[in-house]
Amino acid sequence: MSNYKSIHKGAKIDETISTVLNGQAGLQGVSVNGSEITPDANNKVNLSIPGVLQTTGTSTTEAMSQNAVTMSLSSKVDSSSLATVATSGSYNDLSNKPTIPSVANYTVTLLSSGWTGSSAPYTQTVSVSGILSTDKAFADVALSDDTSTAQNQLTNWAYVSKMVTSNDSITATCFDSKPSIDLNVSLMSIRS
């Protein structure tokens, strides 16, 4: 026979547990604040323990009643309800959504004989079907597999100072010297 004592917000519960004939543990007698409570036929005791919290809180030493748990859970928002809110009404305003840019690749040739101007700056306009003036263009010289040719291409490419897009064309500008060879240029156009 073992004795267990428990304190719940000032109310003492003394339980005496003994072994019953069928091998199950049962309660012989329970005393709550000095009053004896007898178990029913199923060896169960209904206790109303003073001090069980009826509201939610952050206590790590006090018990919360089933009623308080039920009330707390009933005020929670179901995540599927949030998904419904996000896909309806003005909350889901897509007017400021980010746009995915489109990218186009072109190959153009800047001819050594195509530069205009008798002195710097030199310019050359090349047709590029489909490009727009609002596109952002990134250009790089397409290098030869031959090392000496590639080095000559890089030297001449360094003369190209900027490239500006227009509708269906690009204009390259050289502020100082102009290339003395033809340059094949890989052009990537980004449109938002």
N, C-alpha and C. Protein backbone atom coordinates (compact mmCIF):
# COMPACT_ATOMS: atom_id res chain seq x y z
N MET A 1 0.85 -1.17 0.00
CA MET A 1 0.00 0.00 0.00
C MET A 1 0.90 1.24 0.00
N SER A 2 0.63 2.19 -0.91
CA SER A 2 1.44 3.40 -1.01
C SER A 2 0.58 4.62 -0.81
N ASN A 3 1.15 5.65 -0.24
CA ASN A 3 0.44 6.91 -0.04
C ASN A 3 1.04 7.97 -0.96
N TYR A 4 0.21 8.75 -1.64
CA TYR A 4 0.66 9.83 -2.52
C TYR A 4 0.01 11.12 -2.06
N LYS A 5 0.78 12.19 -2.03
CA LYS A 5 0.23 13.48 -1.65
C LYS A 5 0.46 14.46 -2.79
N SER A 6 -0.50 15.30 -3.06
CA SER A 6 -0.40 16.28 -4.13
C SER A 6 -1.02 17.58 -3.67
N ILE A 7 -0.42 18.70 -4.08
CA ILE A 7 -0.97 20.01 -3.71
C ILE A 7 -1.35 20.73 -5.00
N HIS A 8 -2.59 21.17 -5.14
CA HIS A 8 -3.08 21.93 -6.29
C HIS A 8 -3.65 23.24 -5.77
N LYS A 9 -2.92 24.33 -5.93
CA LYS A 9 -3.36 25.67 -5.52
C LYS A 9 -3.93 25.65 -4.10
N GLY A 10 -3.21 24.99 -3.18
CA GLY A 10 -3.63 25.03 -1.78
C GLY A 10 -4.53 23.89 -1.35
N ALA A 11 -5.09 23.08 -2.25
CA ALA A 11 -5.97 21.98 -1.86
C ALA A 11 -5.17 20.69 -1.84
N LYS A 12 -5.15 19.99 -0.68
CA LYS A 12 -4.40 18.75 -0.57
C LYS A 12 -5.30 17.58 -0.97
N ILE A 13 -4.69 16.66 -1.73
CA ILE A 13 -5.41 15.44 -2.10
C ILE A 13 -4.57 14.29 -1.58
N ASP A 14 -5.13 13.50 -0.67
CA ASP A 14 -4.43 12.33 -0.16
C ASP A 14 -5.07 11.11 -0.79
N GLU A 15 -4.25 10.33 -1.51
CA GLU A 15 -4.79 9.15 -2.17
C GLU A 15 -4.08 7.92 -1.59
N THR A 16 -4.80 6.95 -1.31
CA THR A 16 -4.23 5.69 -0.89
C THR A 16 -4.57 4.67 -1.95
N ILE A 17 -3.52 4.11 -2.58
CA ILE A 17 -3.75 3.16 -3.67
C ILE A 17 -3.45 1.76 -3.16
N SER A 18 -4.33 0.86 -3.45
CA SER A 18 -4.10 -0.54 -3.05
C SER A 18 -4.39 -1.45 -4.22
N THR A 19 -3.96 -2.65 -4.14
CA THR A 19 -4.18 -3.63 -5.19
C THR A 19 -5.53 -4.30 -4.93
N VAL A 20 -6.34 -4.38 -6.00
CA VAL A 20 -7.64 -5.06 -5.87
C VAL A 20 -7.50 -6.49 -6.36
N LEU A 21 -8.49 -7.31 -6.17
CA LEU A 21 -8.40 -8.74 -6.46
C LEU A 21 -8.11 -9.06 -7.92
N ASN A 22 -8.63 -8.29 -8.88
CA ASN A 22 -8.42 -8.62 -10.29
C ASN A 22 -7.10 -8.09 -10.83
N GLY A 23 -6.20 -7.60 -10.00
CA GLY A 23 -4.87 -7.18 -10.43
C GLY A 23 -4.79 -5.73 -10.86
N GLN A 24 -5.87 -4.99 -10.81
CA GLN A 24 -5.84 -3.58 -11.20
C GLN A 24 -5.67 -2.71 -9.96
N ALA A 25 -5.06 -1.56 -10.16
CA ALA A 25 -4.91 -0.63 -9.05
C ALA A 25 -6.20 0.17 -8.91
N GLY A 26 -6.63 0.37 -7.69
CA GLY A 26 -7.84 1.13 -7.47
C GLY A 26 -7.67 2.08 -6.31
N LEU A 27 -8.60 2.99 -6.14
CA LEU A 27 -8.56 3.94 -5.04
C LEU A 27 -9.40 3.40 -3.89
N GLN A 28 -8.80 3.38 -2.70
CA GLN A 28 -9.57 2.95 -1.53
C GLN A 28 -10.30 4.10 -0.90
N GLY A 29 -9.65 5.24 -0.88
CA GLY A 29 -10.28 6.39 -0.27
C GLY A 29 -9.51 7.64 -0.62
N VAL A 30 -10.23 8.72 -0.80
CA VAL A 30 -9.60 9.98 -1.16
C VAL A 30 -10.10 11.04 -0.21
N SER A 31 -9.16 11.84 0.27
CA SER A 31 -9.52 12.90 1.17
C SER A 31 -9.20 14.22 0.49
N VAL A 32 -10.21 15.10 0.30
CA VAL A 32 -10.01 16.42 -0.29
C VAL A 32 -10.34 17.44 0.78
N ASN A 33 -9.32 18.22 1.17
CA ASN A 33 -9.46 19.22 2.23
C ASN A 33 -10.15 18.64 3.47
N GLY A 34 -9.75 17.41 3.79
CA GLY A 34 -10.27 16.79 5.01
C GLY A 34 -11.57 16.05 4.83
N SER A 35 -12.22 16.08 3.65
CA SER A 35 -13.48 15.36 3.44
C SER A 35 -13.19 14.09 2.65
N GLU A 36 -13.70 12.95 3.16
CA GLU A 36 -13.48 11.65 2.52
C GLU A 36 -14.42 11.50 1.33
N ILE A 37 -13.86 11.07 0.16
CA ILE A 37 -14.67 10.82 -1.04
C ILE A 37 -14.46 9.36 -1.41
N THR A 38 -15.54 8.62 -1.64
CA THR A 38 -15.48 7.20 -1.95
C THR A 38 -15.59 6.99 -3.46
N PRO A 39 -14.73 6.11 -4.03
CA PRO A 39 -14.81 5.82 -5.47
C PRO A 39 -16.12 5.13 -5.83
N ASP A 40 -16.53 5.26 -7.11
CA ASP A 40 -17.74 4.59 -7.57
C ASP A 40 -17.43 3.14 -7.93
N ALA A 41 -18.37 2.44 -8.56
CA ALA A 41 -18.20 1.02 -8.89
C ALA A 41 -17.05 0.78 -9.87
N ASN A 42 -16.67 1.78 -10.66
CA ASN A 42 -15.56 1.65 -11.62
C ASN A 42 -14.24 2.15 -11.05
N ASN A 43 -14.18 2.31 -9.74
CA ASN A 43 -12.99 2.82 -9.05
C ASN A 43 -12.60 4.21 -9.54
N LYS A 44 -13.57 5.03 -9.87
CA LYS A 44 -13.30 6.41 -10.30
C LYS A 44 -13.84 7.38 -9.27
N VAL A 45 -13.11 8.47 -9.12
CA VAL A 45 -13.53 9.51 -8.19
C VAL A 45 -13.66 10.80 -8.98
N ASN A 46 -14.80 11.45 -8.90
CA ASN A 46 -14.99 12.75 -9.53
C ASN A 46 -14.58 13.82 -8.54
N LEU A 47 -13.53 14.56 -8.89
CA LEU A 47 -13.02 15.59 -8.00
C LEU A 47 -13.18 16.95 -8.63
N SER A 48 -13.60 17.89 -7.87
CA SER A 48 -13.58 19.28 -8.28
C SER A 48 -12.50 19.93 -7.46
N ILE A 49 -11.34 20.14 -8.07
CA ILE A 49 -10.19 20.63 -7.33
C ILE A 49 -10.15 22.14 -7.40
N PRO A 50 -10.20 22.82 -6.28
CA PRO A 50 -10.11 24.27 -6.27
C PRO A 50 -8.73 24.67 -6.77
N GLY A 51 -8.66 25.76 -7.48
CA GLY A 51 -7.37 26.27 -7.92
C GLY A 51 -6.99 25.86 -9.34
N VAL A 52 -7.82 25.06 -10.05
CA VAL A 52 -7.53 24.76 -11.45
C VAL A 52 -7.89 25.99 -12.25
N LEU A 53 -6.97 26.45 -13.07
CA LEU A 53 -7.16 27.70 -13.80
C LEU A 53 -8.27 27.58 -14.82
N GLN A 54 -9.10 28.58 -14.88
CA GLN A 54 -10.19 28.62 -15.85
C GLN A 54 -9.85 29.53 -17.03
N THR A 55 -8.62 30.03 -17.08
CA THR A 55 -8.18 30.85 -18.20
C THR A 55 -6.80 30.37 -18.64
N THR A 56 -6.40 30.77 -19.82
CA THR A 56 -5.08 30.40 -20.31
C THR A 56 -4.04 31.29 -19.67
N GLY A 57 -2.82 30.82 -19.66
CA GLY A 57 -1.75 31.60 -19.09
C GLY A 57 -0.41 30.97 -19.40
N THR A 58 0.62 31.45 -18.74
CA THR A 58 1.96 30.95 -19.00
C THR A 58 2.53 30.19 -17.81
N SER A 59 1.70 29.85 -16.84
CA SER A 59 2.18 29.17 -15.64
C SER A 59 2.69 27.78 -15.99
N THR A 60 3.79 27.41 -15.35
CA THR A 60 4.33 26.06 -15.55
C THR A 60 4.03 25.17 -14.34
N THR A 61 3.34 25.69 -13.35
CA THR A 61 3.05 24.92 -12.14
C THR A 61 1.56 24.73 -11.91
N GLU A 62 0.69 25.40 -12.63
CA GLU A 62 -0.75 25.30 -12.41
C GLU A 62 -1.40 24.60 -13.59
N ALA A 63 -2.45 23.84 -13.30
CA ALA A 63 -3.17 23.11 -14.34
C ALA A 63 -4.23 23.99 -14.97
N MET A 64 -4.51 23.77 -16.25
CA MET A 64 -5.55 24.53 -16.95
C MET A 64 -6.73 23.58 -17.18
N SER A 65 -7.93 24.04 -16.92
CA SER A 65 -9.11 23.19 -17.06
C SER A 65 -9.39 22.88 -18.53
N GLN A 66 -10.16 21.81 -18.76
CA GLN A 66 -10.56 21.46 -20.11
C GLN A 66 -11.37 22.58 -20.74
N ASN A 67 -12.20 23.24 -19.96
CA ASN A 67 -12.99 24.35 -20.44
C ASN A 67 -12.09 25.48 -20.96
N ALA A 68 -11.02 25.80 -20.21
CA ALA A 68 -10.11 26.87 -20.64
C ALA A 68 -9.38 26.49 -21.92
N VAL A 69 -8.99 25.21 -22.04
CA VAL A 69 -8.33 24.74 -23.27
C VAL A 69 -9.28 24.84 -24.44
N THR A 70 -10.52 24.37 -24.27
CA THR A 70 -11.51 24.41 -25.35
C THR A 70 -11.79 25.83 -25.80
N MET A 71 -11.95 26.75 -24.84
CA MET A 71 -12.22 28.14 -25.19
C MET A 71 -11.04 28.77 -25.93
N SER A 72 -9.83 28.44 -25.50
CA SER A 72 -8.63 28.99 -26.13
C SER A 72 -8.50 28.49 -27.57
N LEU A 73 -8.76 27.21 -27.78
CA LEU A 73 -8.65 26.65 -29.13
C LEU A 73 -9.75 27.17 -30.06
N SER A 74 -10.92 27.47 -29.51
CA SER A 74 -12.01 27.96 -30.35
C SER A 74 -11.74 29.35 -30.91
N SER A 75 -10.83 30.10 -30.28
CA SER A 75 -10.53 31.44 -30.78
C SER A 75 -9.38 31.45 -31.79
N LYS A 76 -8.76 30.30 -32.04
CA LYS A 76 -7.66 30.22 -33.00
C LYS A 76 -8.22 30.29 -34.42
N VAL A 77 -7.40 30.83 -35.37
CA VAL A 77 -7.81 30.94 -36.77
C VAL A 77 -7.25 29.77 -37.54
N ASP A 78 -8.10 29.08 -38.26
CA ASP A 78 -7.68 27.95 -39.08
C ASP A 78 -6.84 28.44 -40.24
N SER A 79 -5.72 27.76 -40.54
CA SER A 79 -4.83 28.21 -41.61
C SER A 79 -5.53 28.19 -42.97
N SER A 80 -6.49 27.27 -43.19
CA SER A 80 -7.21 27.27 -44.46
C SER A 80 -8.08 28.50 -44.59
N SER A 81 -8.54 29.06 -43.45
CA SER A 81 -9.30 30.31 -43.49
C SER A 81 -8.41 31.46 -43.94
N LEU A 82 -7.15 31.46 -43.50
CA LEU A 82 -6.21 32.50 -43.93
C LEU A 82 -5.97 32.42 -45.42
N ALA A 83 -5.88 31.19 -45.98
CA ALA A 83 -5.67 31.05 -47.41
C ALA A 83 -6.84 31.64 -48.18
N THR A 84 -8.06 31.48 -47.67
CA THR A 84 -9.24 32.05 -48.31
C THR A 84 -9.18 33.57 -48.31
N VAL A 85 -8.75 34.16 -47.19
CA VAL A 85 -8.63 35.61 -47.11
C VAL A 85 -7.61 36.12 -48.11
N ALA A 86 -6.50 35.40 -48.25
CA ALA A 86 -5.41 35.85 -49.14
C ALA A 86 -5.80 35.79 -50.61
N THR A 87 -6.80 34.97 -50.96
CA THR A 87 -7.15 34.85 -52.37
C THR A 87 -8.44 35.56 -52.73
N SER A 88 -8.97 36.35 -51.82
CA SER A 88 -10.21 37.06 -52.14
C SER A 88 -10.11 38.51 -51.69
N GLY A 89 -10.95 39.34 -52.26
CA GLY A 89 -11.04 40.74 -51.85
C GLY A 89 -9.84 41.56 -52.25
N SER A 90 -9.75 42.76 -51.72
CA SER A 90 -8.69 43.68 -52.10
C SER A 90 -7.37 43.36 -51.42
N TYR A 91 -7.37 42.44 -50.45
CA TYR A 91 -6.14 42.08 -49.76
C TYR A 91 -5.11 41.54 -50.74
N ASN A 92 -5.56 40.83 -51.74
CA ASN A 92 -4.67 40.19 -52.71
C ASN A 92 -4.46 41.10 -53.92
N ASP A 93 -4.13 42.35 -53.69
CA ASP A 93 -3.91 43.32 -54.76
C ASP A 93 -2.59 43.01 -55.46
N LEU A 94 -2.67 42.65 -56.72
CA LEU A 94 -1.48 42.26 -57.47
C LEU A 94 -0.92 43.39 -58.31
N SER A 95 -1.37 44.61 -58.09
CA SER A 95 -0.90 45.72 -58.92
C SER A 95 0.57 46.02 -58.70
N ASN A 96 1.13 45.67 -57.54
CA ASN A 96 2.55 45.91 -57.28
C ASN A 96 3.38 44.64 -57.31
N LYS A 97 2.87 43.60 -57.95
CA LYS A 97 3.61 42.34 -57.98
C LYS A 97 4.86 42.49 -58.84
N PRO A 98 5.91 41.77 -58.50
CA PRO A 98 7.13 41.85 -59.30
C PRO A 98 6.91 41.20 -60.66
N THR A 99 7.52 41.76 -61.66
CA THR A 99 7.40 41.19 -62.99
C THR A 99 8.64 40.35 -63.28
N ILE A 100 8.45 39.32 -64.02
CA ILE A 100 9.56 38.46 -64.41
C ILE A 100 10.07 38.97 -65.74
N PRO A 101 11.34 39.38 -65.81
CA PRO A 101 11.86 39.95 -67.05
C PRO A 101 12.02 38.87 -68.12
N SER A 102 11.92 39.31 -69.36
CA SER A 102 12.19 38.40 -70.48
C SER A 102 13.59 38.72 -71.01
N VAL A 103 14.27 37.70 -71.47
CA VAL A 103 15.64 37.84 -71.94
C VAL A 103 15.70 37.37 -73.38
N ALA A 104 16.40 38.15 -74.21
CA ALA A 104 16.63 37.77 -75.61
C ALA A 104 18.13 37.87 -75.90
N ASN A 105 18.64 36.97 -76.70
CA ASN A 105 20.05 36.98 -77.08
C ASN A 105 20.18 37.26 -78.57
N TYR A 106 21.13 38.11 -78.90
CA TYR A 106 21.39 38.50 -80.29
C TYR A 106 22.89 38.41 -80.55
N THR A 107 23.26 38.25 -81.81
CA THR A 107 24.65 38.38 -82.23
C THR A 107 24.69 39.44 -83.31
N VAL A 108 25.51 40.45 -83.10
CA VAL A 108 25.65 41.53 -84.08
C VAL A 108 27.13 41.68 -84.44
N THR A 109 27.40 42.29 -85.57
CA THR A 109 28.78 42.54 -85.98
C THR A 109 29.00 44.03 -86.11
N LEU A 110 30.03 44.51 -85.40
CA LEU A 110 30.47 45.90 -85.56
C LEU A 110 31.59 45.87 -86.58
N LEU A 111 31.31 46.43 -87.76
CA LEU A 111 32.29 46.42 -88.85
C LEU A 111 33.34 47.52 -88.64
N SER A 112 34.57 47.20 -88.96
CA SER A 112 35.64 48.21 -88.84
C SER A 112 35.37 49.38 -89.76
N SER A 113 34.67 49.13 -90.87
CA SER A 113 34.37 50.20 -91.83
C SER A 113 33.04 50.90 -91.52
N GLY A 114 32.33 50.48 -90.47
CA GLY A 114 31.00 51.02 -90.19
C GLY A 114 30.98 52.20 -89.24
N TRP A 115 32.14 52.63 -88.74
CA TRP A 115 32.17 53.73 -87.77
C TRP A 115 32.02 55.07 -88.46
N THR A 116 31.18 55.94 -87.90
CA THR A 116 30.97 57.27 -88.49
C THR A 116 31.68 58.31 -87.65
N GLY A 117 32.06 59.39 -88.28
CA GLY A 117 32.74 60.49 -87.61
C GLY A 117 34.19 60.53 -88.05
N SER A 118 34.68 61.74 -88.29
CA SER A 118 36.08 61.91 -88.72
C SER A 118 37.01 61.99 -87.52
N SER A 119 36.45 62.21 -86.35
CA SER A 119 37.23 62.20 -85.10
C SER A 119 36.32 61.70 -83.98
N ALA A 120 36.93 61.38 -82.85
CA ALA A 120 36.16 60.85 -81.72
C ALA A 120 35.17 61.90 -81.23
N PRO A 121 34.01 61.50 -80.75
CA PRO A 121 33.57 60.12 -80.60
C PRO A 121 33.08 59.54 -81.93
N TYR A 122 33.32 58.23 -82.10
CA TYR A 122 32.88 57.49 -83.28
C TYR A 122 31.61 56.71 -82.90
N THR A 123 30.67 56.56 -83.81
CA THR A 123 29.44 55.81 -83.54
C THR A 123 29.17 54.85 -84.68
N GLN A 124 28.41 53.81 -84.34
CA GLN A 124 27.97 52.83 -85.34
C GLN A 124 26.62 52.29 -84.90
N THR A 125 25.61 52.37 -85.78
CA THR A 125 24.27 51.85 -85.49
C THR A 125 24.07 50.57 -86.28
N VAL A 126 23.61 49.53 -85.57
CA VAL A 126 23.39 48.21 -86.17
C VAL A 126 21.94 47.80 -85.95
N SER A 127 21.30 47.25 -86.98
CA SER A 127 19.91 46.77 -86.86
C SER A 127 19.85 45.53 -85.98
N VAL A 128 18.90 45.54 -85.07
CA VAL A 128 18.63 44.39 -84.19
C VAL A 128 17.11 44.26 -84.11
N SER A 129 16.55 43.39 -84.92
CA SER A 129 15.10 43.25 -85.00
C SER A 129 14.52 42.76 -83.68
N GLY A 130 13.56 43.51 -83.14
CA GLY A 130 12.84 43.12 -81.93
C GLY A 130 13.32 43.79 -80.66
N ILE A 131 14.49 44.39 -80.67
CA ILE A 131 14.98 45.05 -79.46
C ILE A 131 14.24 46.38 -79.29
N LEU A 132 14.04 46.81 -78.05
CA LEU A 132 13.32 48.06 -77.77
C LEU A 132 14.24 49.06 -77.09
N SER A 133 13.88 50.32 -77.18
CA SER A 133 14.68 51.37 -76.54
C SER A 133 14.66 51.26 -75.01
N THR A 134 13.64 50.61 -74.47
CA THR A 134 13.53 50.44 -73.02
C THR A 134 14.25 49.20 -72.50
N ASP A 135 14.78 48.37 -73.39
CA ASP A 135 15.50 47.17 -72.98
C ASP A 135 16.85 47.53 -72.38
N LYS A 136 17.28 46.74 -71.41
CA LYS A 136 18.63 46.86 -70.87
C LYS A 136 19.49 45.86 -71.63
N ALA A 137 20.59 46.35 -72.21
CA ALA A 137 21.44 45.47 -73.03
C ALA A 137 22.80 45.28 -72.38
N PHE A 138 23.29 44.05 -72.43
CA PHE A 138 24.62 43.70 -71.97
C PHE A 138 25.36 43.08 -73.14
N ALA A 139 26.55 43.57 -73.41
CA ALA A 139 27.27 43.12 -74.60
C ALA A 139 28.67 42.64 -74.23
N ASP A 140 29.17 41.67 -75.00
CA ASP A 140 30.54 41.19 -74.84
C ASP A 140 31.00 40.67 -76.20
N VAL A 141 32.28 40.80 -76.44
CA VAL A 141 32.84 40.35 -77.69
C VAL A 141 32.89 38.82 -77.71
N ALA A 142 32.57 38.24 -78.85
CA ALA A 142 32.69 36.79 -79.05
C ALA A 142 34.12 36.51 -79.50
N LEU A 143 34.88 35.84 -78.65
CA LEU A 143 36.30 35.64 -78.90
C LEU A 143 36.58 34.41 -79.76
N SER A 144 37.63 34.53 -80.55
CA SER A 144 38.12 33.43 -81.38
C SER A 144 38.80 32.39 -80.49
N ASP A 145 38.90 31.16 -81.00
CA ASP A 145 39.63 30.12 -80.29
C ASP A 145 41.14 30.31 -80.42
N ASP A 146 41.56 31.05 -81.43
CA ASP A 146 42.98 31.33 -81.63
C ASP A 146 43.41 32.43 -80.64
N THR A 147 44.46 32.16 -79.87
CA THR A 147 44.88 33.06 -78.80
C THR A 147 45.27 34.44 -79.30
N SER A 148 46.06 34.53 -80.34
CA SER A 148 46.51 35.85 -80.81
C SER A 148 45.35 36.64 -81.40
N THR A 149 44.43 35.96 -82.09
CA THR A 149 43.25 36.65 -82.64
C THR A 149 42.36 37.14 -81.50
N ALA A 150 42.17 36.31 -80.47
CA ALA A 150 41.34 36.69 -79.32
C ALA A 150 41.93 37.90 -78.59
N GLN A 151 43.27 37.92 -78.45
CA GLN A 151 43.90 39.07 -77.79
C GLN A 151 43.69 40.35 -78.60
N ASN A 152 43.77 40.26 -79.94
CA ASN A 152 43.53 41.42 -80.80
C ASN A 152 42.07 41.88 -80.69
N GLN A 153 41.14 40.92 -80.60
CA GLN A 153 39.72 41.26 -80.45
C GLN A 153 39.48 41.99 -79.11
N LEU A 154 40.12 41.50 -78.05
CA LEU A 154 39.96 42.16 -76.74
C LEU A 154 40.51 43.58 -76.76
N THR A 155 41.65 43.77 -77.42
CA THR A 155 42.25 45.11 -77.52
C THR A 155 41.30 46.05 -78.25
N ASN A 156 40.72 45.62 -79.35
CA ASN A 156 39.80 46.46 -80.12
C ASN A 156 38.45 46.63 -79.42
N TRP A 157 38.00 45.60 -78.71
CA TRP A 157 36.73 45.70 -77.96
C TRP A 157 36.83 46.75 -76.86
N ALA A 158 38.00 46.94 -76.29
CA ALA A 158 38.20 47.92 -75.24
C ALA A 158 37.94 49.35 -75.73
N TYR A 159 37.96 49.58 -77.06
CA TYR A 159 37.67 50.91 -77.60
C TYR A 159 36.17 51.25 -77.54
N VAL A 160 35.33 50.23 -77.46
CA VAL A 160 33.88 50.47 -77.44
C VAL A 160 33.50 50.93 -76.02
N SER A 161 33.04 52.19 -75.93
CA SER A 161 32.77 52.79 -74.62
C SER A 161 31.36 52.51 -74.11
N LYS A 162 30.37 52.51 -74.98
CA LYS A 162 29.00 52.26 -74.54
C LYS A 162 28.16 51.79 -75.70
N MET A 163 27.02 51.17 -75.35
CA MET A 163 26.04 50.73 -76.33
C MET A 163 24.67 51.14 -75.83
N VAL A 164 23.87 51.74 -76.71
CA VAL A 164 22.53 52.23 -76.35
C VAL A 164 21.51 51.56 -77.25
N THR A 165 20.41 51.08 -76.65
CA THR A 165 19.35 50.44 -77.43
C THR A 165 18.36 51.47 -77.95
N SER A 166 17.84 51.19 -79.13
CA SER A 166 16.73 51.93 -79.72
C SER A 166 15.76 50.88 -80.23
N ASN A 167 14.60 51.28 -80.71
CA ASN A 167 13.68 50.31 -81.28
C ASN A 167 14.30 49.73 -82.54
N ASP A 168 14.54 48.40 -82.51
CA ASP A 168 15.10 47.62 -83.62
C ASP A 168 16.54 47.98 -83.99
N SER A 169 17.30 48.59 -83.09
CA SER A 169 18.72 48.85 -83.37
C SER A 169 19.49 49.14 -82.08
N ILE A 170 20.82 49.06 -82.18
CA ILE A 170 21.70 49.49 -81.10
C ILE A 170 22.73 50.45 -81.69
N THR A 171 23.20 51.36 -80.87
CA THR A 171 24.24 52.29 -81.31
C THR A 171 25.44 52.15 -80.37
N ALA A 172 26.59 51.82 -80.95
CA ALA A 172 27.83 51.71 -80.19
C ALA A 172 28.60 53.01 -80.34
N THR A 173 29.27 53.42 -79.27
CA THR A 173 30.04 54.66 -79.27
C THR A 173 31.45 54.38 -78.76
N CYS A 174 32.45 54.97 -79.44
CA CYS A 174 33.84 54.92 -78.99
C CYS A 174 34.27 56.35 -78.69
N PHE A 175 34.65 56.63 -77.44
CA PHE A 175 35.00 57.99 -77.04
C PHE A 175 36.39 58.41 -77.51
N ASP A 176 37.30 57.47 -77.69
CA ASP A 176 38.67 57.83 -78.08
C ASP A 176 39.03 57.24 -79.44
N SER A 177 39.46 56.01 -79.47
CA SER A 177 39.83 55.34 -80.71
C SER A 177 38.72 54.39 -81.11
N LYS A 178 38.74 53.96 -82.38
CA LYS A 178 37.74 53.01 -82.87
C LYS A 178 38.42 51.70 -83.24
N PRO A 179 37.69 50.58 -83.19
CA PRO A 179 38.27 49.29 -83.55
C PRO A 179 38.73 49.27 -85.01
N SER A 180 39.84 48.60 -85.24
CA SER A 180 40.38 48.48 -86.60
C SER A 180 40.03 47.13 -87.23
N ILE A 181 39.29 46.29 -86.51
CA ILE A 181 38.85 44.99 -87.03
C ILE A 181 37.35 44.85 -86.81
N ASP A 182 36.76 43.90 -87.53
CA ASP A 182 35.34 43.59 -87.29
C ASP A 182 35.23 42.85 -85.95
N LEU A 183 34.17 43.16 -85.21
CA LEU A 183 33.95 42.53 -83.93
C LEU A 183 32.56 41.87 -83.91
N ASN A 184 32.54 40.55 -83.63
CA ASN A 184 31.26 39.86 -83.42
C ASN A 184 30.90 40.03 -81.94
N VAL A 185 29.72 40.56 -81.69
CA VAL A 185 29.29 40.90 -80.33
C VAL A 185 28.07 40.07 -79.95
N SER A 186 28.16 39.44 -78.78
CA SER A 186 27.01 38.74 -78.18
C SER A 186 26.25 39.75 -77.34
N LEU A 187 24.98 39.89 -77.62
CA LEU A 187 24.16 40.90 -76.97
C LEU A 187 23.02 40.21 -76.22
N MET A 188 22.87 40.52 -74.95
CA MET A 188 21.76 39.99 -74.15
C MET A 188 20.87 41.16 -73.79
N SER A 189 19.60 41.07 -74.17
CA SER A 189 18.64 42.14 -73.91
C SER A 189 17.65 41.67 -72.84
N ILE A 190 17.47 42.51 -71.81
CA ILE A 190 16.55 42.19 -70.71
C ILE A 190 15.41 43.20 -70.72
N ARG A 191 14.21 42.68 -70.75
CA ARG A 191 13.01 43.52 -70.79
C ARG A 191 12.15 43.23 -69.58
N SER A 192 11.78 44.29 -68.81
CA SER A 192 10.92 44.07 -67.64
C SER A 192 9.48 44.27 -67.99
